[in-house]
């Protein structure tokens, strides 16, 4: 499968698409469709809606290609486009659409239960507390944690997706991590590794 090695590669492949190379768009789709689907399924349980929105994102790229700008971060561009489209669709079906905006939407943060090796430091009680603690986070904190630890995004990228400045995105994640750590009472020096293990092995939604 095609893979992007660095920002120069991303800039090059995006430039080829802007110049009319449709084959490159297929490669971009293969590279990013699974992560887009998993991200989209965090906003809604309607998988068909997510699939439709992903298709619309790529159809929109074709329609608006002449108006698009250069980028060296295709993944971030696609994530932002998908999120915007899903929220727009959810507004149409939500019973209280005025409450659903770019700062007010659901976000699911769960992981698989088969994490014995990764969570060997935690006893069963702490694992249950951690699960409850995850659900106690705000939806924006859940999304920020997911983007940082599951998708490996930088703070600048998270800021872009959450419409926050750099310092606010760092503070959002810091508060969420501290809240989780305090609830399950794991030493600070160990908790980062525990959280990373959990989210790197979190349940992926299959396309």
N, C-alpha and C. Protein backbone atom coordinates (compact mmCIF):
# COMPACT_ATOMS: atom_id res chain seq x y z
N UNK A 1 0.84 -1.20 0.00
CA UNK A 1 0.00 0.00 0.00
C UNK A 1 0.87 1.25 0.00
N UNK A 2 0.38 2.28 -0.65
CA UNK A 2 1.10 3.55 -0.67
C UNK A 2 1.17 4.13 0.72
N UNK A 3 2.28 4.71 1.07
CA UNK A 3 2.40 5.39 2.37
C UNK A 3 3.16 6.68 2.21
N UNK A 4 2.83 7.63 3.06
CA UNK A 4 3.48 8.93 3.03
C UNK A 4 4.58 8.94 4.08
N UNK A 5 5.79 9.22 3.66
CA UNK A 5 6.93 9.15 4.56
C UNK A 5 7.14 10.43 5.35
N UNK A 6 6.88 11.58 4.74
CA UNK A 6 7.13 12.84 5.42
C UNK A 6 6.33 13.95 4.77
N UNK A 7 6.47 15.15 5.30
CA UNK A 7 5.69 16.27 4.80
C UNK A 7 6.02 16.61 3.35
N UNK A 8 7.26 16.40 2.94
CA UNK A 8 7.61 16.65 1.55
C UNK A 8 6.84 15.71 0.62
N UNK A 9 6.70 14.45 1.05
CA UNK A 9 5.93 13.49 0.26
C UNK A 9 4.47 13.91 0.19
N UNK A 10 3.92 14.36 1.32
CA UNK A 10 2.52 14.78 1.35
C UNK A 10 2.30 15.99 0.45
N UNK A 11 3.24 16.92 0.51
CA UNK A 11 3.12 18.11 -0.33
C UNK A 11 3.16 17.73 -1.81
N UNK A 12 4.04 16.78 -2.14
CA UNK A 12 4.18 16.35 -3.53
C UNK A 12 2.94 15.63 -4.03
N UNK A 13 2.43 14.69 -3.24
CA UNK A 13 1.28 13.92 -3.69
C UNK A 13 0.03 14.80 -3.78
N UNK A 14 -0.11 15.75 -2.86
CA UNK A 14 -1.24 16.67 -2.93
C UNK A 14 -1.12 17.57 -4.15
N UNK A 15 0.07 18.01 -4.44
CA UNK A 15 0.30 18.84 -5.62
C UNK A 15 -0.07 18.09 -6.89
N UNK A 16 0.26 16.81 -6.94
CA UNK A 16 -0.09 16.00 -8.12
C UNK A 16 -1.60 15.90 -8.27
N UNK A 17 -2.30 15.77 -7.14
CA UNK A 17 -3.76 15.72 -7.20
C UNK A 17 -4.31 17.05 -7.72
N UNK A 18 -3.79 18.16 -7.21
CA UNK A 18 -4.28 19.47 -7.63
C UNK A 18 -4.06 19.70 -9.13
N UNK A 19 -3.06 19.03 -9.68
CA UNK A 19 -2.76 19.18 -11.10
C UNK A 19 -3.54 18.20 -11.97
N UNK A 20 -4.41 17.39 -11.35
CA UNK A 20 -5.30 16.55 -12.13
C UNK A 20 -5.03 15.07 -12.10
N UNK A 21 -4.12 14.61 -11.26
CA UNK A 21 -3.79 13.20 -11.18
C UNK A 21 -4.79 12.49 -10.27
N UNK A 22 -5.83 11.88 -10.87
CA UNK A 22 -6.87 11.22 -10.09
C UNK A 22 -6.38 9.93 -9.43
N UNK A 23 -5.37 9.30 -10.03
CA UNK A 23 -4.81 8.09 -9.44
C UNK A 23 -4.25 8.38 -8.05
N UNK A 24 -3.69 9.54 -7.88
CA UNK A 24 -3.15 9.94 -6.59
C UNK A 24 -4.26 10.04 -5.54
N UNK A 25 -5.44 10.50 -5.95
CA UNK A 25 -6.55 10.60 -5.01
C UNK A 25 -6.95 9.21 -4.50
N UNK A 26 -6.89 8.22 -5.37
CA UNK A 26 -7.17 6.85 -4.94
C UNK A 26 -6.16 6.39 -3.90
N UNK A 27 -4.92 6.76 -4.09
CA UNK A 27 -3.88 6.40 -3.12
C UNK A 27 -4.11 7.09 -1.79
N UNK A 28 -4.52 8.36 -1.84
CA UNK A 28 -4.83 9.10 -0.62
C UNK A 28 -5.98 8.43 0.12
N UNK A 29 -6.97 7.98 -0.62
CA UNK A 29 -8.12 7.30 -0.03
C UNK A 29 -7.68 6.02 0.68
N UNK A 30 -6.87 5.21 0.01
CA UNK A 30 -6.39 3.97 0.60
C UNK A 30 -5.57 4.24 1.86
N UNK A 31 -4.81 5.32 1.83
CA UNK A 31 -3.95 5.65 2.96
C UNK A 31 -4.74 6.08 4.19
N UNK A 32 -5.84 6.79 3.98
CA UNK A 32 -6.50 7.46 5.10
C UNK A 32 -7.91 6.98 5.43
N UNK A 33 -8.51 6.14 4.61
CA UNK A 33 -9.93 5.80 4.79
C UNK A 33 -10.21 5.12 6.13
N UNK A 34 -9.34 4.23 6.56
CA UNK A 34 -9.59 3.52 7.83
C UNK A 34 -9.55 4.45 9.03
N UNK A 35 -8.55 5.32 9.08
CA UNK A 35 -8.45 6.24 10.22
C UNK A 35 -9.59 7.26 10.18
N UNK A 36 -10.01 7.66 8.98
CA UNK A 36 -11.15 8.57 8.86
C UNK A 36 -12.42 7.90 9.38
N UNK A 37 -12.59 6.64 9.03
CA UNK A 37 -13.78 5.92 9.47
C UNK A 37 -13.80 5.77 10.99
N UNK A 38 -12.67 5.42 11.57
CA UNK A 38 -12.62 5.28 13.02
C UNK A 38 -12.91 6.61 13.71
N UNK A 39 -12.33 7.69 13.19
CA UNK A 39 -12.57 9.02 13.76
C UNK A 39 -14.04 9.39 13.63
N UNK A 40 -14.61 9.15 12.45
CA UNK A 40 -16.01 9.48 12.23
C UNK A 40 -16.96 8.74 13.14
N UNK A 41 -16.64 7.47 13.43
CA UNK A 41 -17.49 6.65 14.28
C UNK A 41 -17.43 7.07 15.74
N UNK A 42 -16.52 7.96 16.07
CA UNK A 42 -16.48 8.50 17.43
C UNK A 42 -17.56 9.55 17.65
N UNK A 43 -18.11 10.09 16.56
CA UNK A 43 -19.14 11.13 16.66
C UNK A 43 -20.55 10.56 16.58
N UNK A 44 -20.69 9.38 15.99
CA UNK A 44 -22.02 8.80 15.79
C UNK A 44 -21.91 7.29 15.65
N UNK A 45 -22.97 6.58 16.07
CA UNK A 45 -22.99 5.13 15.90
C UNK A 45 -23.50 4.74 14.52
N UNK A 46 -23.92 5.71 13.74
CA UNK A 46 -24.44 5.46 12.39
C UNK A 46 -23.28 5.29 11.42
N UNK A 47 -22.84 4.05 11.23
CA UNK A 47 -21.67 3.80 10.39
C UNK A 47 -21.94 4.14 8.92
N UNK A 48 -23.18 3.94 8.49
CA UNK A 48 -23.50 4.26 7.10
C UNK A 48 -23.39 5.77 6.86
N UNK A 49 -23.79 6.55 7.85
CA UNK A 49 -23.64 8.00 7.74
C UNK A 49 -22.17 8.37 7.62
N UNK A 50 -21.33 7.73 8.43
CA UNK A 50 -19.89 8.02 8.38
C UNK A 50 -19.32 7.66 7.01
N UNK A 51 -19.70 6.50 6.49
CA UNK A 51 -19.22 6.10 5.17
C UNK A 51 -19.67 7.09 4.10
N UNK A 52 -20.92 7.53 4.19
CA UNK A 52 -21.43 8.51 3.21
C UNK A 52 -20.66 9.82 3.30
N UNK A 53 -20.35 10.23 4.53
CA UNK A 53 -19.63 11.49 4.71
C UNK A 53 -18.21 11.39 4.17
N UNK A 54 -17.57 10.25 4.35
CA UNK A 54 -16.22 10.06 3.80
C UNK A 54 -16.27 10.13 2.28
N UNK A 55 -17.25 9.48 1.70
CA UNK A 55 -17.39 9.53 0.24
C UNK A 55 -17.61 10.97 -0.23
N UNK A 56 -18.42 11.70 0.51
CA UNK A 56 -18.69 13.08 0.14
C UNK A 56 -17.44 13.96 0.26
N UNK A 57 -16.62 13.69 1.25
CA UNK A 57 -15.37 14.44 1.39
C UNK A 57 -14.52 14.28 0.14
N UNK A 58 -14.39 13.06 -0.34
CA UNK A 58 -13.56 12.81 -1.52
C UNK A 58 -14.23 13.30 -2.80
N UNK A 59 -15.54 13.20 -2.88
CA UNK A 59 -16.25 13.76 -4.04
C UNK A 59 -16.09 15.28 -4.07
N UNK A 60 -16.14 15.89 -2.89
CA UNK A 60 -15.96 17.33 -2.80
C UNK A 60 -14.57 17.74 -3.25
N UNK A 61 -13.57 16.93 -2.92
CA UNK A 61 -12.21 17.21 -3.37
C UNK A 61 -12.15 17.27 -4.89
N UNK A 62 -12.85 16.35 -5.52
CA UNK A 62 -12.87 16.32 -6.99
C UNK A 62 -13.55 17.58 -7.55
N UNK A 63 -14.67 17.95 -6.93
CA UNK A 63 -15.44 19.08 -7.44
C UNK A 63 -14.73 20.41 -7.24
N UNK A 64 -14.01 20.54 -6.13
CA UNK A 64 -13.43 21.84 -5.77
C UNK A 64 -11.92 21.89 -5.97
N UNK A 65 -11.38 20.92 -6.67
CA UNK A 65 -9.93 20.81 -6.80
C UNK A 65 -9.29 22.13 -7.24
N UNK A 66 -9.90 22.84 -8.17
CA UNK A 66 -9.30 24.07 -8.70
C UNK A 66 -9.24 25.19 -7.68
N UNK A 67 -10.00 25.05 -6.60
CA UNK A 67 -10.03 26.10 -5.56
C UNK A 67 -9.25 25.73 -4.31
N UNK A 68 -8.65 24.54 -4.32
CA UNK A 68 -7.93 24.08 -3.13
C UNK A 68 -6.50 24.62 -3.09
N UNK A 69 -5.98 24.72 -1.90
CA UNK A 69 -4.62 25.23 -1.71
C UNK A 69 -3.64 24.08 -1.47
N UNK A 70 -2.37 24.38 -1.57
CA UNK A 70 -1.33 23.39 -1.27
C UNK A 70 -1.35 23.06 0.22
N UNK A 71 -0.94 21.84 0.56
CA UNK A 71 -0.83 21.45 1.96
C UNK A 71 0.24 20.38 2.11
N UNK A 72 0.85 20.33 3.28
CA UNK A 72 1.80 19.27 3.58
C UNK A 72 1.26 18.37 4.68
N UNK A 73 -0.06 18.47 4.95
CA UNK A 73 -0.70 17.67 5.97
C UNK A 73 -2.07 17.22 5.49
N UNK A 74 -2.07 16.26 4.58
CA UNK A 74 -3.31 15.79 3.97
C UNK A 74 -4.23 15.17 5.02
N UNK A 75 -3.66 14.39 5.93
CA UNK A 75 -4.47 13.74 6.96
C UNK A 75 -5.27 14.75 7.76
N UNK A 76 -4.62 15.82 8.18
CA UNK A 76 -5.29 16.83 8.99
C UNK A 76 -6.41 17.50 8.20
N UNK A 77 -6.14 17.78 6.94
CA UNK A 77 -7.16 18.39 6.07
C UNK A 77 -8.38 17.48 5.96
N UNK A 78 -8.15 16.17 5.78
CA UNK A 78 -9.25 15.22 5.63
C UNK A 78 -10.03 15.06 6.94
N UNK A 79 -9.32 14.99 8.06
CA UNK A 79 -10.00 14.86 9.35
C UNK A 79 -10.90 16.06 9.62
N UNK A 80 -10.39 17.23 9.34
CA UNK A 80 -11.17 18.45 9.55
C UNK A 80 -12.40 18.47 8.65
N UNK A 81 -12.22 18.10 7.40
CA UNK A 81 -13.34 18.08 6.45
C UNK A 81 -14.41 17.09 6.86
N UNK A 82 -13.97 15.90 7.30
CA UNK A 82 -14.92 14.88 7.71
C UNK A 82 -15.68 15.31 8.96
N UNK A 83 -14.98 15.82 9.93
CA UNK A 83 -15.63 16.27 11.15
C UNK A 83 -16.68 17.33 10.86
N UNK A 84 -16.34 18.30 10.04
CA UNK A 84 -17.27 19.37 9.69
C UNK A 84 -18.52 18.81 9.01
N UNK A 85 -18.33 17.84 8.11
CA UNK A 85 -19.45 17.27 7.37
C UNK A 85 -20.35 16.43 8.28
N UNK A 86 -19.75 15.64 9.16
CA UNK A 86 -20.55 14.81 10.07
C UNK A 86 -21.38 15.67 11.00
N UNK A 87 -20.77 16.71 11.56
CA UNK A 87 -21.52 17.59 12.46
C UNK A 87 -22.66 18.26 11.71
N UNK A 88 -22.42 18.65 10.48
CA UNK A 88 -23.47 19.26 9.68
C UNK A 88 -24.63 18.28 9.47
N UNK A 89 -24.31 17.01 9.22
CA UNK A 89 -25.36 16.00 9.02
C UNK A 89 -26.09 15.71 10.33
N UNK A 90 -25.37 15.68 11.43
CA UNK A 90 -26.00 15.41 12.71
C UNK A 90 -26.96 16.53 13.11
N UNK A 91 -26.64 17.74 12.72
CA UNK A 91 -27.53 18.87 13.01
C UNK A 91 -28.89 18.67 12.35
N UNK A 92 -28.89 18.04 11.18
CA UNK A 92 -30.14 17.84 10.44
C UNK A 92 -31.05 16.84 11.12
N UNK A 93 -30.47 15.89 11.84
CA UNK A 93 -31.26 14.81 12.44
C UNK A 93 -31.43 14.96 13.93
N UNK A 94 -30.64 15.82 14.57
CA UNK A 94 -30.71 15.98 16.01
C UNK A 94 -32.00 16.70 16.39
N UNK A 95 -32.60 16.29 17.51
CA UNK A 95 -33.85 16.90 17.95
C UNK A 95 -33.66 18.32 18.47
N UNK A 96 -32.41 18.64 18.84
CA UNK A 96 -32.12 19.98 19.31
C UNK A 96 -30.89 20.50 18.55
N UNK A 97 -31.06 20.78 17.27
CA UNK A 97 -29.92 21.14 16.43
C UNK A 97 -29.16 22.37 16.90
N UNK A 98 -29.83 23.25 17.64
CA UNK A 98 -29.13 24.46 18.10
C UNK A 98 -28.06 24.12 19.13
N UNK A 99 -28.19 22.94 19.77
CA UNK A 99 -27.20 22.56 20.77
C UNK A 99 -26.00 21.86 20.16
N UNK A 100 -26.09 21.53 18.88
CA UNK A 100 -25.02 20.78 18.23
C UNK A 100 -24.22 21.73 17.34
N UNK A 101 -23.04 22.11 17.79
CA UNK A 101 -22.20 22.99 17.00
C UNK A 101 -20.76 22.49 17.10
N UNK A 102 -19.82 23.29 16.65
CA UNK A 102 -18.43 22.86 16.63
C UNK A 102 -17.84 22.63 18.01
N UNK A 103 -18.51 23.11 19.05
CA UNK A 103 -18.01 22.90 20.41
C UNK A 103 -18.95 22.03 21.24
N UNK A 104 -20.02 21.52 20.64
CA UNK A 104 -21.02 20.78 21.40
C UNK A 104 -21.47 19.58 20.59
N UNK A 105 -20.78 18.47 20.75
CA UNK A 105 -21.09 17.25 20.01
C UNK A 105 -20.60 16.06 20.81
N UNK A 106 -21.18 14.89 20.58
CA UNK A 106 -20.75 13.70 21.32
C UNK A 106 -19.43 13.16 20.78
N UNK A 107 -18.68 12.50 21.65
CA UNK A 107 -17.44 11.85 21.21
C UNK A 107 -17.23 10.60 22.04
N UNK A 108 -17.05 9.47 21.38
CA UNK A 108 -16.93 8.17 22.05
C UNK A 108 -15.46 7.84 22.26
N UNK A 109 -15.11 7.49 23.49
CA UNK A 109 -13.73 7.10 23.80
C UNK A 109 -13.76 5.82 24.62
N UNK A 110 -13.64 4.70 23.91
CA UNK A 110 -13.59 3.41 24.58
C UNK A 110 -12.47 2.59 23.96
N UNK A 111 -12.12 1.51 24.63
CA UNK A 111 -11.05 0.66 24.13
C UNK A 111 -11.44 -0.80 24.31
N UNK A 112 -10.69 -1.67 23.69
CA UNK A 112 -10.99 -3.09 23.80
C UNK A 112 -10.72 -3.58 25.21
N UNK A 113 -11.33 -4.69 25.56
CA UNK A 113 -11.17 -5.25 26.90
C UNK A 113 -9.96 -6.19 26.99
N UNK A 114 -9.37 -6.51 25.87
CA UNK A 114 -8.25 -7.46 25.86
C UNK A 114 -6.92 -6.72 25.99
N UNK A 115 -6.71 -6.11 27.15
CA UNK A 115 -5.52 -5.30 27.35
C UNK A 115 -4.72 -5.76 28.57
N UNK A 116 -4.79 -7.03 28.87
CA UNK A 116 -4.14 -7.52 30.08
C UNK A 116 -2.65 -7.22 30.10
N UNK A 117 -1.97 -7.44 28.97
CA UNK A 117 -0.52 -7.20 28.93
C UNK A 117 -0.21 -5.72 29.10
N UNK A 118 -0.99 -4.87 28.39
CA UNK A 118 -0.71 -3.44 28.44
C UNK A 118 -1.07 -2.83 29.80
N UNK A 119 -2.06 -3.44 30.48
CA UNK A 119 -2.52 -2.87 31.75
C UNK A 119 -2.12 -3.72 32.94
N UNK A 120 -1.02 -4.43 32.80
CA UNK A 120 -0.60 -5.35 33.86
C UNK A 120 -0.30 -4.61 35.16
N UNK A 121 0.02 -3.31 35.06
CA UNK A 121 0.32 -2.54 36.27
C UNK A 121 -0.93 -2.27 37.10
N UNK A 122 -2.10 -2.34 36.48
CA UNK A 122 -3.34 -1.96 37.16
C UNK A 122 -4.11 -3.19 37.62
N UNK A 123 -4.63 -3.16 38.85
CA UNK A 123 -5.51 -4.23 39.28
C UNK A 123 -6.90 -3.98 38.71
N UNK A 124 -7.80 -4.94 38.90
CA UNK A 124 -9.14 -4.85 38.28
C UNK A 124 -9.89 -3.62 38.74
N UNK A 125 -9.77 -3.28 40.01
CA UNK A 125 -10.48 -2.11 40.53
C UNK A 125 -10.03 -0.84 39.82
N UNK A 126 -8.71 -0.70 39.60
CA UNK A 126 -8.20 0.50 38.94
C UNK A 126 -8.62 0.53 37.47
N UNK A 127 -8.70 -0.63 36.84
CA UNK A 127 -9.14 -0.66 35.45
C UNK A 127 -10.58 -0.18 35.33
N UNK A 128 -11.42 -0.63 36.27
CA UNK A 128 -12.81 -0.19 36.26
C UNK A 128 -12.90 1.31 36.53
N UNK A 129 -12.07 1.79 37.47
CA UNK A 129 -12.07 3.22 37.76
C UNK A 129 -11.61 4.02 36.55
N UNK A 130 -10.64 3.47 35.81
CA UNK A 130 -10.14 4.17 34.63
C UNK A 130 -11.22 4.23 33.56
N UNK A 131 -11.96 3.13 33.38
CA UNK A 131 -13.05 3.13 32.40
C UNK A 131 -14.09 4.18 32.76
N UNK A 132 -14.46 4.24 34.04
CA UNK A 132 -15.44 5.24 34.49
C UNK A 132 -14.87 6.65 34.34
N UNK A 133 -13.58 6.77 34.65
CA UNK A 133 -12.95 8.09 34.56
C UNK A 133 -12.94 8.60 33.12
N UNK A 134 -12.68 7.72 32.18
CA UNK A 134 -12.68 8.11 30.77
C UNK A 134 -14.04 8.69 30.38
N UNK A 135 -15.10 8.03 30.85
CA UNK A 135 -16.43 8.50 30.50
C UNK A 135 -16.82 9.78 31.23
N UNK A 136 -16.09 10.12 32.29
CA UNK A 136 -16.38 11.34 33.04
C UNK A 136 -15.79 12.59 32.37
N UNK A 137 -14.90 12.38 31.41
CA UNK A 137 -14.31 13.52 30.70
C UNK A 137 -15.35 14.21 29.84
N UNK A 138 -15.13 15.48 29.56
CA UNK A 138 -16.00 16.16 28.60
C UNK A 138 -15.72 15.58 27.21
N UNK A 139 -16.65 15.78 26.30
CA UNK A 139 -16.47 15.25 24.95
C UNK A 139 -15.25 15.87 24.27
N UNK A 140 -14.99 17.14 24.53
CA UNK A 140 -13.82 17.77 23.92
C UNK A 140 -12.52 17.21 24.52
N UNK A 141 -12.54 16.91 25.81
CA UNK A 141 -11.37 16.27 26.41
C UNK A 141 -11.15 14.88 25.82
N UNK A 142 -12.24 14.13 25.63
CA UNK A 142 -12.13 12.81 25.02
C UNK A 142 -11.52 12.90 23.63
N UNK A 143 -12.00 13.85 22.85
CA UNK A 143 -11.49 13.99 21.49
C UNK A 143 -10.01 14.37 21.51
N UNK A 144 -9.64 15.28 22.38
CA UNK A 144 -8.25 15.71 22.46
C UNK A 144 -7.34 14.55 22.87
N UNK A 145 -7.79 13.76 23.87
CA UNK A 145 -7.02 12.60 24.31
C UNK A 145 -6.87 11.59 23.16
N UNK A 146 -7.96 11.34 22.46
CA UNK A 146 -7.95 10.41 21.33
C UNK A 146 -6.97 10.87 20.25
N UNK A 147 -7.05 12.13 19.90
CA UNK A 147 -6.19 12.65 18.84
C UNK A 147 -4.72 12.62 19.23
N UNK A 148 -4.46 12.89 20.49
CA UNK A 148 -3.06 12.94 20.95
C UNK A 148 -2.46 11.55 21.11
N UNK A 149 -3.16 10.66 21.81
CA UNK A 149 -2.58 9.37 22.17
C UNK A 149 -2.92 8.26 21.19
N UNK A 150 -4.08 8.33 20.55
CA UNK A 150 -4.45 7.29 19.61
C UNK A 150 -3.94 7.60 18.21
N UNK A 151 -4.11 8.84 17.78
CA UNK A 151 -3.71 9.22 16.42
C UNK A 151 -2.34 9.89 16.36
N UNK A 152 -1.78 10.21 17.49
CA UNK A 152 -0.44 10.76 17.52
C UNK A 152 -0.30 12.15 16.93
N UNK A 153 -1.37 12.95 17.00
CA UNK A 153 -1.31 14.29 16.45
C UNK A 153 -0.52 15.22 17.36
N UNK A 154 0.11 16.21 16.76
CA UNK A 154 0.82 17.23 17.52
C UNK A 154 -0.19 18.24 18.08
N UNK A 155 0.25 19.01 19.07
CA UNK A 155 -0.65 19.98 19.68
C UNK A 155 -1.16 21.01 18.66
N UNK A 156 -0.32 21.40 17.72
CA UNK A 156 -0.75 22.36 16.70
C UNK A 156 -1.88 21.78 15.86
N UNK A 157 -1.78 20.48 15.56
CA UNK A 157 -2.82 19.83 14.76
C UNK A 157 -4.12 19.70 15.54
N UNK A 158 -4.00 19.35 16.82
CA UNK A 158 -5.18 19.25 17.67
C UNK A 158 -5.85 20.61 17.81
N UNK A 159 -5.05 21.64 17.93
CA UNK A 159 -5.59 23.00 18.01
C UNK A 159 -6.44 23.31 16.79
N UNK A 160 -5.96 22.92 15.62
CA UNK A 160 -6.68 23.17 14.37
C UNK A 160 -8.01 22.44 14.34
N UNK A 161 -8.02 21.17 14.76
CA UNK A 161 -9.24 20.38 14.72
C UNK A 161 -10.26 20.82 15.76
N UNK A 162 -9.79 21.31 16.90
CA UNK A 162 -10.69 21.72 17.98
C UNK A 162 -10.97 23.22 18.00
N UNK A 163 -10.40 23.93 17.04
CA UNK A 163 -10.57 25.39 16.99
C UNK A 163 -10.10 26.05 18.28
N UNK A 164 -8.92 25.63 18.73
CA UNK A 164 -8.31 26.19 19.94
C UNK A 164 -6.94 26.75 19.60
N UNK A 165 -6.42 27.62 20.47
CA UNK A 165 -5.04 28.02 20.28
C UNK A 165 -4.13 26.95 20.89
N UNK A 166 -2.84 27.08 20.64
CA UNK A 166 -1.88 26.06 21.05
C UNK A 166 -1.91 25.81 22.56
N UNK A 167 -1.86 26.88 23.33
CA UNK A 167 -1.83 26.74 24.79
C UNK A 167 -3.11 26.11 25.33
N UNK A 168 -4.24 26.46 24.73
CA UNK A 168 -5.51 25.90 25.18
C UNK A 168 -5.59 24.41 24.92
N UNK A 169 -5.05 23.96 23.79
CA UNK A 169 -5.08 22.53 23.49
C UNK A 169 -4.19 21.76 24.45
N UNK A 170 -3.01 22.32 24.77
CA UNK A 170 -2.13 21.67 25.74
C UNK A 170 -2.80 21.60 27.11
N UNK A 171 -3.43 22.70 27.52
CA UNK A 171 -4.08 22.74 28.83
C UNK A 171 -5.25 21.76 28.89
N UNK A 172 -5.99 21.64 27.79
CA UNK A 172 -7.13 20.73 27.74
C UNK A 172 -6.67 19.29 27.97
N UNK A 173 -5.61 18.89 27.28
CA UNK A 173 -5.09 17.54 27.41
C UNK A 173 -4.48 17.32 28.79
N UNK A 174 -3.74 18.31 29.27
CA UNK A 174 -3.11 18.18 30.60
C UNK A 174 -4.16 17.98 31.68
N UNK A 175 -5.23 18.76 31.64
CA UNK A 175 -6.28 18.63 32.65
C UNK A 175 -6.95 17.26 32.58
N UNK A 176 -7.17 16.78 31.35
CA UNK A 176 -7.80 15.47 31.18
C UNK A 176 -6.92 14.36 31.73
N UNK A 177 -5.63 14.40 31.40
CA UNK A 177 -4.70 13.37 31.87
C UNK A 177 -4.59 13.40 33.39
N UNK A 178 -4.51 14.59 33.95
CA UNK A 178 -4.41 14.71 35.41
C UNK A 178 -5.66 14.18 36.10
N UNK A 179 -6.81 14.46 35.50
CA UNK A 179 -8.06 13.97 36.07
C UNK A 179 -8.09 12.45 36.09
N UNK A 180 -7.67 11.83 35.00
CA UNK A 180 -7.64 10.37 34.92
C UNK A 180 -6.64 9.80 35.92
N UNK A 181 -5.46 10.41 35.97
CA UNK A 181 -4.41 9.90 36.86
C UNK A 181 -4.84 9.96 38.32
N UNK A 182 -5.48 11.06 38.70
CA UNK A 182 -5.89 11.21 40.09
C UNK A 182 -6.99 10.23 40.46
N UNK A 183 -7.88 9.96 39.52
CA UNK A 183 -8.99 9.05 39.81
C UNK A 183 -8.49 7.63 40.04
N UNK A 184 -7.55 7.17 39.22
CA UNK A 184 -7.10 5.79 39.38
C UNK A 184 -5.86 5.69 40.27
N UNK A 185 -5.30 6.87 40.66
CA UNK A 185 -4.21 6.92 41.63
C UNK A 185 -2.97 6.14 41.17
N UNK A 186 -2.60 6.37 39.94
CA UNK A 186 -1.36 5.79 39.41
C UNK A 186 -0.29 6.86 39.48
N UNK A 187 0.93 6.54 39.92
CA UNK A 187 2.01 7.54 39.98
C UNK A 187 2.19 8.24 38.64
N UNK A 188 2.48 9.51 38.72
CA UNK A 188 2.59 10.33 37.52
C UNK A 188 3.60 9.78 36.52
N UNK A 189 4.72 9.27 37.02
CA UNK A 189 5.78 8.80 36.12
C UNK A 189 5.35 7.57 35.32
N UNK A 190 4.35 6.82 35.82
CA UNK A 190 3.89 5.62 35.14
C UNK A 190 2.64 5.84 34.31
N UNK A 191 1.89 6.89 34.62
CA UNK A 191 0.57 7.00 34.02
C UNK A 191 0.61 7.28 32.52
N UNK A 192 1.59 8.06 32.08
CA UNK A 192 1.68 8.34 30.65
C UNK A 192 1.82 7.07 29.83
N UNK A 193 2.60 6.13 30.32
CA UNK A 193 2.79 4.86 29.62
C UNK A 193 1.51 4.03 29.64
N UNK A 194 0.81 4.05 30.74
CA UNK A 194 -0.45 3.31 30.84
C UNK A 194 -1.47 3.85 29.85
N UNK A 195 -1.62 5.17 29.83
CA UNK A 195 -2.60 5.80 28.95
C UNK A 195 -2.24 5.57 27.49
N UNK A 196 -0.97 5.68 27.17
CA UNK A 196 -0.53 5.46 25.80
C UNK A 196 -0.82 4.02 25.37
N UNK A 197 -0.57 3.08 26.27
CA UNK A 197 -0.83 1.67 25.95
C UNK A 197 -2.31 1.44 25.69
N UNK A 198 -3.14 2.04 26.50
CA UNK A 198 -4.59 1.86 26.34
C UNK A 198 -5.05 2.39 24.99
N UNK A 199 -4.67 3.62 24.70
CA UNK A 199 -5.23 4.26 23.52
C UNK A 199 -4.57 3.80 22.23
N UNK A 200 -3.35 3.35 22.29
CA UNK A 200 -2.71 2.81 21.09
C UNK A 200 -3.30 1.45 20.73
N UNK A 201 -3.96 0.80 21.70
CA UNK A 201 -4.58 -0.48 21.44
C UNK A 201 -6.11 -0.37 21.55
N UNK A 202 -6.62 0.83 21.37
CA UNK A 202 -8.06 1.04 21.53
C UNK A 202 -8.82 0.37 20.39
N UNK A 203 -10.10 0.17 20.65
CA UNK A 203 -10.94 -0.50 19.67
C UNK A 203 -11.08 0.35 18.42
N UNK A 204 -10.67 -0.21 17.29
CA UNK A 204 -10.82 0.46 16.00
C UNK A 204 -12.15 0.06 15.38
N UNK A 205 -12.81 1.01 14.77
CA UNK A 205 -14.02 0.71 14.03
C UNK A 205 -13.62 0.24 12.64
N UNK A 206 -14.07 -0.96 12.27
CA UNK A 206 -13.68 -1.54 10.98
C UNK A 206 -14.52 -0.96 9.86
N UNK A 207 -13.83 -0.56 8.80
CA UNK A 207 -14.53 0.04 7.66
C UNK A 207 -15.31 -1.03 6.93
